[in-house]
Amino acid sequence: MVITGSGRARLEDETIEVGPGDAIRVGLSLTRSFEAGSEGMEMIRIGGRKPEGQDAIRDENFWI
């Protein structure tokens, strides 16, 4: 949930604008990233338990 500021959320191939009060549920297997706007962005992020044997994979070219 975005608390203050604004920015963008990229969920797989879709990019959406987000601002205060916006909440997004992201599925476990969905590739996602968040980018703050010019005034910054404060978010509350809550995650569940990590499935056995799995971890995040970082994609340095995701926003390109």
Protein backbone atom coordinates (compact mmCIF):
# COMPACT_ATOMS: atom_id res chain seq x y z
CA MET A 1 0.00 0.00 0.00
CA VAL A 2 1.31 3.41 -0.94
CA ILE A 3 1.30 5.74 2.07
CA THR A 4 2.81 8.94 0.65
CA GLY A 5 4.22 10.07 -2.68
CA SER A 6 3.70 8.31 -5.97
CA GLY A 7 5.45 6.18 -8.52
CA ARG A 8 5.03 3.19 -10.78
CA ALA A 9 4.54 -0.52 -10.29
CA ARG A 10 5.64 -2.93 -12.98
CA LEU A 11 3.87 -6.27 -12.88
CA GLU A 12 5.24 -8.57 -15.60
CA ASP A 13 4.63 -6.56 -18.82
CA GLU A 14 2.18 -4.05 -17.32
CA THR A 15 3.22 -0.73 -15.75
CA ILE A 16 0.73 1.20 -13.61
CA GLU A 17 0.86 4.54 -11.82
CA VAL A 18 0.37 4.32 -8.04
CA GLY A 19 -0.30 6.91 -5.36
CA PRO A 20 -1.49 7.33 -1.76
CA GLY A 21 -4.09 4.76 -0.76
CA ASP A 22 -3.36 2.40 -3.66
CA ALA A 23 -2.98 -1.23 -2.64
CA ILE A 24 -1.77 -3.99 -4.95
CA ARG A 25 -1.89 -7.72 -4.34
CA VAL A 26 0.92 -9.44 -6.19
CA GLY A 27 0.90 -13.20 -6.76
CA LEU A 28 3.89 -15.24 -5.65
CA SER A 29 5.17 -16.09 -9.14
CA LEU A 30 4.60 -12.62 -10.66
CA THR A 31 7.71 -10.63 -11.62
CA ARG A 32 7.34 -7.17 -10.09
CA SER A 33 9.20 -3.99 -9.25
CA PHE A 34 8.36 -0.56 -7.83
CA GLU A 35 9.83 2.82 -8.76
CA ALA A 36 9.32 6.03 -6.78
CA GLY A 37 8.36 9.27 -8.50
CA SER A 38 10.24 12.56 -8.18
CA GLU A 39 8.89 13.27 -4.67
CA GLY A 40 9.62 9.74 -3.43
CA MET A 41 7.20 7.06 -2.28
CA GLU A 42 6.60 5.39 1.07
CA MET A 43 5.00 1.96 1.01
CA ILE A 44 3.96 -0.75 3.42
CA ARG A 45 4.81 -4.16 1.98
CA ILE A 46 3.75 -7.40 3.61
CA GLY A 47 4.96 -10.78 2.44
CA GLY A 48 4.00 -14.32 3.27
CA ARG A 49 6.27 -17.20 4.03
CA LYS A 50 8.79 -18.16 1.39
CA PRO A 51 7.97 -21.51 -0.21
CA GLU A 52 10.49 -24.25 0.54
CA GLY A 53 13.44 -24.19 -1.85
CA GLN A 54 12.49 -20.93 -3.57
CA ASP A 55 13.91 -17.46 -3.35
CA ALA A 56 13.73 -14.21 -5.28
CA ILE A 57 15.56 -13.87 -8.58
CA ARG A 58 16.88 -10.39 -9.38
CA ASP A 59 16.50 -9.20 -12.99
CA GLU A 60 18.75 -6.16 -13.53
CA ASN A 61 17.13 -5.47 -16.93
CA PHE A 62 13.50 -5.59 -15.77
CA TRP A 63 12.82 -1.83 -16.27
CA ILE A 64 14.70 -1.67 -19.60
